[in-house]
């Protein structure tokens, strides 16, 4: 028996706010979550701005913060997002004897979670302490002695991508399937898609799915700058993320966490949980091409789109809205446009599509689930989020990208696309629940 999979709760911590309502209002009012870097001195970097989560306090979301005190930024964000989603879904958290009717052995976790940052200050200070000027290199014996004093074991453990799921398990008591994936920018879309497949085939009743990530640290910024993937529009951070624009020059590095609660329809009805939308299709593929480039013919993206449509039993005429990956890089925007045209044919010109990254930046491992939440809101509110900063369209990119302001439109079925470094492609289709 295959089960219908519904979404019963959502939570988000992102540069536009610390709740789904705040995020959505930010999208609807043209707010930008992008500004100059405050997490470290980036004045010597080619990119001096980012999309940060500001003024976040985990104590606003959970009573017992002690298990999460040493969590890195991603882990702390995901606890807040999971707490919001669980409460909306009617899931009892932080309770020794939860009374929500859910068997914790049938409640699982699947996160697309990024590698945590090291304790940069302690790491680099230990390098300085061990530096031998005459040899122009560190003495690693001295480094170990310094690091043993300065570095915190639990914080170093937080580098493991599995740690955010451990924090969510501590919060919720979930003892079912626990999985983590790190397929770059497609991670949380893959996590939600595969979690929905587990529920569909009876492996779990409830899955807490989504992702978290923060790469806003010196090593993360250095890596993306070396790839020339980031915008360097330091004179105007708020307009730097401009997907599908002729003057786009790279994405804006962001951070955050996004969580959805997935359930069988039977479980949701039994608990009288709110049903926000239904997941009806999932497609996944690999480009098998290059580590940092999409295939020029968009073959992986097209395959993922077609698989998702087949899985949902839909045709190209059934889609009302596409939430694009839309990073604001030259390559992604052009190849993604080609993918949509190839997969949808002439119908591509009739389907509006947009990129929330123009406002909250690129949340890396968390971005797919964050954008899935915007799809749910588009269905519930019948409003499309815009692609901001699209004032000079690229003449080669000629689809309907919903430029610069929200648009009222009845949305019954929406697609969320995520295409990650390494050629990871994941597509989810959701519909209005009936």
Protein backbone atom coordinates (compact mmCIF):
# COMPACT_ATOMS: atom_id res chain seq x y z
CA UNK A 1 0.00 0.00 0.00
CA UNK A 2 1.29 3.45 -0.90
CA UNK A 3 0.46 6.26 1.49
CA UNK A 4 -0.37 9.85 0.61
CA UNK A 5 2.22 12.22 2.09
CA UNK A 6 1.11 15.53 3.55
CA UNK A 7 2.86 18.49 5.17
CA UNK A 8 1.50 19.31 8.61
CA UNK A 9 4.06 21.75 9.99
CA UNK A 10 6.69 24.24 8.81
CA UNK A 11 9.45 26.20 10.49
CA UNK A 12 12.24 28.46 9.28
CA UNK A 13 15.13 30.52 10.55
CA UNK A 14 16.51 32.65 7.74
CA UNK A 15 17.88 36.11 6.93
CA UNK A 16 14.34 37.46 6.44
CA UNK A 17 13.17 36.39 9.90
CA UNK A 18 12.77 33.69 12.48
CA UNK A 19 9.38 32.31 11.44
CA UNK A 20 7.45 31.39 8.32
CA UNK A 21 5.24 34.47 8.74
CA UNK A 22 8.24 36.81 9.01
CA UNK A 23 9.91 35.21 6.01
CA UNK A 24 6.74 35.43 3.91
CA UNK A 25 6.02 39.03 4.86
CA UNK A 26 9.60 39.88 3.93
CA UNK A 27 9.13 38.32 0.49
CA UNK A 28 5.82 40.11 -0.02
CA UNK A 29 7.17 43.55 0.96
CA UNK A 30 10.42 43.43 -1.00
CA UNK A 31 12.62 43.19 2.08
CA UNK A 32 16.24 42.15 1.64
CA UNK A 33 18.06 39.95 4.14
CA UNK A 34 21.42 40.86 2.63
CA UNK A 35 23.88 43.29 4.22
CA UNK A 36 27.52 43.69 5.19
CA UNK A 37 29.23 40.86 7.06
CA UNK A 38 29.11 41.19 10.86
CA UNK A 39 30.34 37.70 11.81
CA UNK A 40 34.02 38.40 11.10
CA UNK A 41 36.16 41.08 9.48
CA UNK A 42 35.67 40.54 5.75
CA UNK A 43 37.16 43.88 4.69
CA UNK A 44 40.02 42.19 2.81
CA UNK A 45 37.79 39.69 0.98
CA UNK A 46 36.52 40.23 -2.57
CA UNK A 47 32.99 39.83 -1.12
CA UNK A 48 32.29 41.80 2.05
CA UNK A 49 28.57 41.09 2.49
CA UNK A 50 26.29 38.11 3.05
CA UNK A 51 22.80 37.07 4.13
CA UNK A 52 23.04 36.46 7.88
CA UNK A 53 20.54 35.28 10.45
CA UNK A 54 20.61 38.18 12.89
CA UNK A 55 19.53 38.48 16.55
CA UNK A 56 18.76 34.77 16.88
CA UNK A 57 18.23 33.36 20.38
CA UNK A 58 17.53 29.66 20.70
CA UNK A 59 15.86 30.23 24.08
CA UNK A 60 12.90 31.83 22.28
CA UNK A 61 12.06 28.43 20.79
CA UNK A 62 12.97 25.78 23.38
CA UNK A 63 12.81 25.65 27.15
CA UNK A 64 15.87 23.47 27.69
CA UNK A 65 18.76 25.01 25.79
CA UNK A 66 21.50 23.07 27.61
CA UNK A 67 21.75 20.14 25.12
CA UNK A 68 22.24 22.62 22.29
CA UNK A 69 24.60 25.12 23.93
CA UNK A 70 27.69 23.97 22.04
CA UNK A 71 25.87 23.47 18.76
CA UNK A 72 27.24 25.35 15.78
CA UNK A 73 25.12 27.97 14.01
CA UNK A 74 23.44 25.43 11.76
CA UNK A 75 22.54 23.14 14.66
CA UNK A 76 21.12 25.99 16.71
CA UNK A 77 19.10 27.28 13.76
CA UNK A 78 17.61 23.85 13.03
CA UNK A 79 16.45 23.44 16.62
CA UNK A 80 14.45 26.66 16.30
CA UNK A 81 13.01 25.67 12.93
CA UNK A 82 12.12 22.17 14.13
CA UNK A 83 10.45 23.53 17.26
CA UNK A 84 8.23 25.80 15.15
CA UNK A 85 7.30 23.04 12.71
CA UNK A 86 6.51 20.53 15.43
CA UNK A 87 4.31 22.95 17.31
CA UNK A 88 2.31 23.77 14.18
CA UNK A 89 1.90 20.04 13.51
CA UNK A 90 0.77 19.39 17.08
CA UNK A 91 3.87 17.37 17.99
CA UNK A 92 4.77 17.50 21.66
CA UNK A 93 8.44 18.42 22.11
CA UNK A 94 10.67 18.47 25.18
CA UNK A 95 8.35 16.12 27.03
CA UNK A 96 9.22 12.84 28.72
CA UNK A 97 5.72 11.52 28.04
CA UNK A 98 4.41 13.17 24.86
CA UNK A 99 0.65 13.08 24.46
CA UNK A 100 0.36 13.66 20.71
CA UNK A 101 -0.45 10.08 19.70
CA UNK A 102 2.76 9.59 17.70
CA UNK A 103 4.86 6.48 18.18
CA UNK A 104 8.41 7.88 18.44
CA UNK A 105 9.71 4.63 16.96
CA UNK A 106 7.80 5.52 13.77
CA UNK A 107 8.91 9.17 13.73
CA UNK A 108 12.15 9.79 11.86
CA UNK A 109 14.52 12.59 10.85
CA UNK A 110 16.07 13.33 7.47
CA UNK A 111 18.19 16.45 7.14
CA UNK A 112 20.29 17.96 4.41
CA UNK A 113 22.93 19.35 6.72
CA UNK A 114 26.19 21.05 5.93
CA UNK A 115 29.56 20.50 7.45
CA UNK A 116 29.86 22.60 10.57
CA UNK A 117 32.49 25.30 10.89
CA UNK A 118 35.54 24.76 13.02
CA UNK A 119 36.26 27.06 15.94
CA UNK A 120 38.17 29.38 13.65
CA UNK A 121 39.61 31.63 16.33
CA UNK A 122 41.08 28.73 18.30
CA UNK A 123 42.22 26.92 15.15
CA UNK A 124 44.10 29.87 13.70
CA UNK A 125 45.48 30.97 17.07
CA UNK A 126 46.96 27.50 17.49
CA UNK A 127 48.57 27.85 14.06
CA UNK A 128 50.08 31.19 15.11
CA UNK A 129 51.32 29.67 18.37
CA UNK A 130 53.06 26.86 16.50
CA UNK A 131 54.50 28.88 13.62
CA UNK A 132 58.25 28.51 13.05
CA UNK A 133 59.42 31.61 11.23
CA UNK A 134 62.72 30.15 10.07
CA UNK A 135 60.97 27.21 8.40
CA UNK A 136 57.93 29.21 7.28
CA UNK A 137 55.62 26.44 8.50
CA UNK A 138 53.95 25.30 11.70
CA UNK A 139 55.44 22.78 14.11
CA UNK A 140 52.55 20.34 14.40
CA UNK A 141 53.71 19.06 17.78
CA UNK A 142 53.40 22.58 19.14
CA UNK A 143 50.08 22.99 17.33
CA UNK A 144 48.63 19.94 19.09
CA UNK A 145 49.71 21.28 22.48
CA UNK A 146 48.10 24.64 21.81
CA UNK A 147 44.94 23.21 20.22
CA UNK A 148 44.45 20.78 23.13
CA UNK A 149 44.02 23.81 25.39
CA UNK A 150 42.19 26.24 23.09
CA UNK A 151 39.80 24.02 21.10
CA UNK A 152 36.55 22.67 22.57
CA UNK A 153 35.87 18.97 21.87
CA UNK A 154 32.10 19.29 21.51
CA UNK A 155 32.43 22.21 19.13
CA UNK A 156 34.82 20.26 16.93
CA UNK A 157 32.36 17.35 16.95
CA UNK A 158 29.82 19.77 15.47
CA UNK A 159 31.73 19.62 12.17
CA UNK A 160 29.99 16.30 11.50
CA UNK A 161 26.97 16.70 9.17
CA UNK A 162 25.02 14.24 11.31
CA UNK A 163 25.03 16.47 14.38
CA UNK A 164 22.01 18.65 13.48
CA UNK A 165 19.87 15.49 13.30
CA UNK A 166 21.15 14.51 16.73
CA UNK A 167 19.99 17.86 18.12
CA UNK A 168 16.55 17.42 16.55
CA UNK A 169 16.31 13.91 18.01
CA UNK A 170 17.12 15.25 21.48
CA UNK A 171 14.44 17.92 21.04
CA UNK A 172 11.65 15.69 19.75
CA UNK A 173 12.41 12.20 21.04
CA UNK A 174 12.26 10.84 17.47
CA UNK A 175 13.70 7.30 17.49
CA UNK A 176 12.87 6.15 13.99
CA UNK A 177 14.90 6.40 10.80
CA UNK A 178 17.65 9.03 11.05
CA UNK A 179 19.47 10.11 7.92
CA UNK A 180 21.62 12.99 6.75
CA UNK A 181 22.78 13.94 3.28
CA UNK A 182 25.10 16.64 2.04
CA UNK A 183 24.46 17.02 -1.67
CA UNK A 184 25.51 20.67 -1.64
CA UNK A 185 22.79 23.15 -2.61
CA UNK A 186 20.29 20.36 -3.30
CA UNK A 187 20.63 18.73 0.13
CA UNK A 188 17.41 19.69 1.89
CA UNK A 189 15.31 19.13 -1.23
CA UNK A 190 16.78 15.65 -1.45
CA UNK A 191 16.14 15.12 2.27
CA UNK A 192 12.47 16.11 1.99
CA UNK A 193 12.01 14.12 -1.22
CA UNK A 194 13.55 10.94 0.13
CA UNK A 195 11.76 11.35 3.46
CA UNK A 196 8.47 11.55 1.58
CA UNK A 197 9.36 8.30 -0.22
CA UNK A 198 10.00 6.59 3.12
CA UNK A 199 6.55 7.63 4.31
CA UNK A 200 4.91 6.73 1.01
CA UNK A 201 6.23 3.17 1.28
CA UNK A 202 5.36 2.69 4.95
CA UNK A 203 8.81 2.99 6.52
CA UNK A 204 7.68 5.79 8.84
CA UNK A 205 4.50 7.55 9.92
CA UNK A 206 6.10 10.96 10.50
CA UNK A 207 9.36 12.46 9.24
CA UNK A 208 10.98 15.68 10.39
CA UNK A 209 12.72 16.77 7.20
CA UNK A 210 14.62 19.75 5.86
CA UNK A 211 18.07 21.17 6.33
CA UNK A 212 20.45 23.65 7.89
CA UNK A 213 23.75 25.23 6.97
CA UNK A 214 26.09 28.11 7.70
CA UNK A 215 29.25 28.64 5.69
CA UNK A 216 29.64 32.28 6.67
CA UNK A 217 33.13 31.90 8.09
CA UNK A 218 36.58 32.73 6.68
CA UNK A 219 37.14 29.31 5.12
CA UNK A 220 33.67 29.16 3.55
CA UNK A 221 33.89 32.66 2.11
CA UNK A 222 37.41 32.03 0.84
CA UNK A 223 36.33 28.85 -0.95
CA UNK A 224 33.41 30.43 -2.77
CA UNK A 225 35.47 33.51 -3.65
CA UNK A 226 38.16 31.26 -5.12
CA UNK A 227 35.45 29.62 -7.23
CA UNK A 228 34.39 33.11 -8.37
CA UNK A 229 30.84 32.04 -7.48
CA UNK A 230 29.97 35.02 -5.23
CA UNK A 231 28.81 38.47 -6.20
CA UNK A 232 31.38 41.17 -5.47
CA UNK A 233 28.90 44.05 -5.64
CA UNK A 234 30.21 45.54 -2.39
CA UNK A 235 28.76 48.96 -3.18
CA UNK A 236 25.18 47.64 -3.15
CA UNK A 237 24.67 44.41 -1.16
CA UNK A 238 20.86 44.55 -1.22
CA UNK A 239 20.79 44.46 -5.03
CA UNK A 240 23.64 41.97 -5.43
CA UNK A 241 21.43 38.89 -5.77
CA UNK A 242 19.76 39.44 -9.13
CA UNK A 243 18.75 36.11 -10.68
CA UNK A 244 18.15 36.07 -14.45
CA UNK A 245 19.48 39.61 -14.79
CA UNK A 246 21.95 40.55 -17.53
CA UNK A 247 24.20 42.09 -14.85
CA UNK A 248 24.21 39.15 -12.41
CA UNK A 249 27.69 38.41 -11.11
CA UNK A 250 27.27 35.63 -8.55
CA UNK A 251 25.22 34.47 -5.60
CA UNK A 252 25.06 35.84 -2.06
CA UNK A 253 26.17 33.46 0.66
CA UNK A 254 23.45 32.93 3.25
CA UNK A 255 22.64 30.68 6.20
CA UNK A 256 19.66 29.27 8.05
CA UNK A 257 17.45 26.26 8.63
CA UNK A 258 14.12 25.08 7.27
CA UNK A 259 11.98 22.15 8.43
CA UNK A 260 8.73 20.55 7.27
CA UNK A 261 6.78 17.84 9.08
CA UNK A 262 5.73 15.06 6.72
CA UNK A 263 3.06 12.51 7.64
CA UNK A 264 0.91 9.85 6.14
CA UNK A 265 -2.54 11.21 5.48
CA UNK A 266 -3.88 8.57 7.89
CA UNK A 267 -1.63 9.82 10.70
CA UNK A 268 -2.53 13.45 10.09
CA UNK A 269 -6.27 12.74 10.04
CA UNK A 270 -6.06 10.58 13.14
CA UNK A 271 -4.39 13.41 15.05
CA UNK A 272 -6.51 16.18 13.49
CA UNK A 273 -3.26 17.83 12.40
CA UNK A 274 -3.43 20.79 10.02
CA UNK A 275 -2.74 19.74 6.42
CA UNK A 276 -0.85 22.49 4.63
CA UNK A 277 -0.10 20.77 1.30
CA UNK A 278 0.55 17.36 -0.22
CA UNK A 279 3.78 16.05 -1.75
CA UNK A 280 2.94 14.19 -4.93
CA UNK A 281 6.18 13.90 -6.91
CA UNK A 282 9.94 13.63 -6.50
CA UNK A 283 12.70 13.37 -9.09
CA UNK A 284 16.44 13.05 -8.59
CA UNK A 285 19.44 12.74 -10.89
CA UNK A 286 23.14 13.42 -11.34
CA UNK A 287 24.78 15.32 -14.18
CA UNK A 288 27.87 13.05 -14.15
CA UNK A 289 29.74 15.99 -15.67
CA UNK A 290 31.87 18.31 -13.51
CA UNK A 291 32.21 19.11 -9.83
CA UNK A 292 31.22 22.77 -10.07
CA UNK A 293 29.42 23.06 -13.42
CA UNK A 294 26.02 21.99 -14.64
CA UNK A 295 25.99 20.08 -17.93
CA UNK A 296 25.62 22.61 -20.74
CA UNK A 297 22.59 20.78 -22.12
CA UNK A 298 20.96 20.69 -18.66
CA UNK A 299 20.60 16.93 -19.01
CA UNK A 300 20.52 16.18 -15.28
CA UNK A 301 18.07 18.96 -14.45
CA UNK A 302 15.75 17.92 -17.29
CA UNK A 303 15.86 14.30 -16.14
CA UNK A 304 14.96 15.25 -12.56
CA UNK A 305 12.06 17.41 -13.76
CA UNK A 306 10.67 14.67 -15.98
CA UNK A 307 11.01 12.06 -13.26
CA UNK A 308 9.13 14.27 -10.80
CA UNK A 309 6.32 14.81 -13.32
CA UNK A 310 6.14 11.08 -14.01
CA UNK A 311 6.15 10.29 -10.29
CA UNK A 312 3.25 12.72 -9.75
CA UNK A 313 1.35 11.46 -12.80
CA UNK A 314 1.21 14.99 -14.23
CA UNK A 315 1.77 16.67 -17.57
CA UNK A 316 3.51 19.97 -18.22
CA UNK A 317 0.07 21.61 -18.49
CA UNK A 318 -0.71 20.91 -14.83
CA UNK A 319 1.98 23.13 -13.26
CA UNK A 320 1.01 26.58 -11.96
CA UNK A 321 4.34 27.82 -10.57
CA UNK A 322 8.03 26.91 -10.48
CA UNK A 323 10.31 27.95 -7.63
CA UNK A 324 13.66 28.01 -9.40
CA UNK A 325 17.10 27.33 -8.00
CA UNK A 326 17.86 30.81 -9.38
CA UNK A 327 21.25 31.49 -7.82
CA UNK A 328 22.18 34.68 -9.74
CA UNK A 329 25.25 33.08 -11.30
CA UNK A 330 25.72 33.31 -15.04
CA UNK A 331 25.86 29.55 -15.53
CA UNK A 332 23.01 28.41 -13.27
CA UNK A 333 20.42 30.89 -14.48
CA UNK A 334 21.05 30.23 -18.15
CA UNK A 335 21.20 26.44 -17.87
CA UNK A 336 18.21 26.29 -15.53
CA UNK A 337 16.22 28.33 -18.04
CA UNK A 338 17.28 25.86 -20.74
CA UNK A 339 16.18 22.98 -18.50
CA UNK A 340 12.71 24.44 -18.03
CA UNK A 341 12.33 25.08 -21.75
CA UNK A 342 13.50 21.57 -22.60
CA UNK A 343 11.30 19.82 -20.03
CA UNK A 344 8.16 21.91 -20.61
CA UNK A 345 8.44 22.84 -24.27
CA UNK A 346 6.20 25.76 -25.39
CA UNK A 347 4.34 25.52 -22.07
CA UNK A 348 7.47 26.89 -20.31
CA UNK A 349 6.53 30.41 -21.44
CA UNK A 350 3.14 30.13 -19.71
CA UNK A 351 4.42 29.05 -16.28
CA UNK A 352 5.60 31.83 -13.93
CA UNK A 353 8.81 31.09 -12.08
CA UNK A 354 10.82 33.07 -9.54
CA UNK A 355 13.76 32.96 -7.15
CA UNK A 356 13.42 33.82 -3.43
CA UNK A 357 17.25 33.85 -3.27
CA UNK A 358 17.00 37.39 -4.59
CA UNK A 359 15.84 38.36 -1.09
CA UNK A 360 17.18 35.85 1.43
CA UNK A 361 20.36 34.78 -0.35
CA UNK A 362 21.61 31.27 -0.95
CA UNK A 363 21.15 29.18 2.21
CA UNK A 364 23.25 26.34 0.71
CA UNK A 365 22.11 23.08 2.36
CA UNK A 366 18.98 24.69 3.80
CA UNK A 367 17.88 26.53 0.68
CA UNK A 368 15.77 23.79 -0.96
CA UNK A 369 13.44 23.30 1.99
CA UNK A 370 13.22 27.06 2.54
CA UNK A 371 12.05 27.45 -1.04
CA UNK A 372 9.64 24.52 -0.66
CA UNK A 373 8.05 26.43 2.20
CA UNK A 374 7.61 29.43 -0.11
CA UNK A 375 5.81 27.09 -2.53
CA UNK A 376 3.44 25.97 0.22
CA UNK A 377 2.74 29.61 1.07
CA UNK A 378 2.16 30.44 -2.61
CA UNK A 379 -0.49 27.70 -2.73
CA UNK A 380 -2.12 28.77 0.52
CA UNK A 381 -2.10 32.50 -0.24
CA UNK A 382 -2.45 32.36 -4.05
CA UNK A 383 0.40 34.83 -4.39
CA UNK A 384 3.72 34.29 -6.17
CA UNK A 385 6.92 35.56 -4.54
CA UNK A 386 8.91 37.81 -6.87
CA UNK A 387 12.39 37.75 -8.33
CA UNK A 388 13.76 41.02 -6.98
CA UNK A 389 16.43 43.21 -8.62
CA UNK A 390 15.37 42.07 -12.10
CA UNK A 391 15.59 45.50 -13.71
CA UNK A 392 17.76 44.60 -16.70
CA UNK A 393 16.64 41.18 -17.96
CA UNK A 394 19.08 39.02 -19.85
CA UNK A 395 17.68 38.91 -23.39
CA UNK A 396 18.72 35.25 -23.62
CA UNK A 397 16.55 34.41 -20.58
CA UNK A 398 13.00 35.05 -21.68
CA UNK A 399 10.69 33.18 -19.31
CA UNK A 400 8.23 34.79 -16.89
CA UNK A 401 10.38 35.34 -13.79
CA UNK A 402 7.78 37.42 -11.83
CA UNK A 403 10.00 40.53 -11.72
CA UNK A 404 10.24 42.81 -8.69
CA UNK A 405 6.83 42.45 -7.06
CA UNK A 406 4.52 39.65 -5.91
CA UNK A 407 1.74 38.53 -8.22
CA UNK A 408 -1.72 37.25 -7.39
CA UNK A 409 -2.38 33.93 -9.04
CA UNK A 410 -4.30 30.77 -8.19
CA UNK A 411 -1.69 28.11 -7.46
CA UNK A 412 -2.80 24.51 -7.08
CA UNK A 413 0.41 22.70 -8.07
CA UNK A 414 3.97 23.98 -7.64
CA UNK A 415 7.45 22.68 -8.42
CA UNK A 416 10.55 23.30 -6.33
CA UNK A 417 13.90 22.87 -8.09
CA UNK A 418 17.34 22.48 -6.50
CA UNK A 419 20.56 21.93 -8.44
CA UNK A 420 23.77 21.55 -6.44
CA UNK A 421 27.52 21.57 -6.93
CA UNK A 422 28.65 18.19 -8.16
CA UNK A 423 25.67 17.88 -10.48
CA UNK A 424 23.10 16.93 -7.84
CA UNK A 425 19.55 17.60 -9.08
CA UNK A 426 16.40 17.26 -7.00
CA UNK A 427 12.83 18.32 -7.79
CA UNK A 428 9.71 18.14 -5.59
CA UNK A 429 6.13 18.69 -6.70
CA UNK A 430 3.45 19.71 -4.19
CA UNK A 431 -0.24 20.42 -4.58
CA UNK A 432 -3.11 21.97 -2.68
CA UNK A 433 -4.56 19.30 -0.40
CA UNK A 434 -8.05 18.13 -1.25
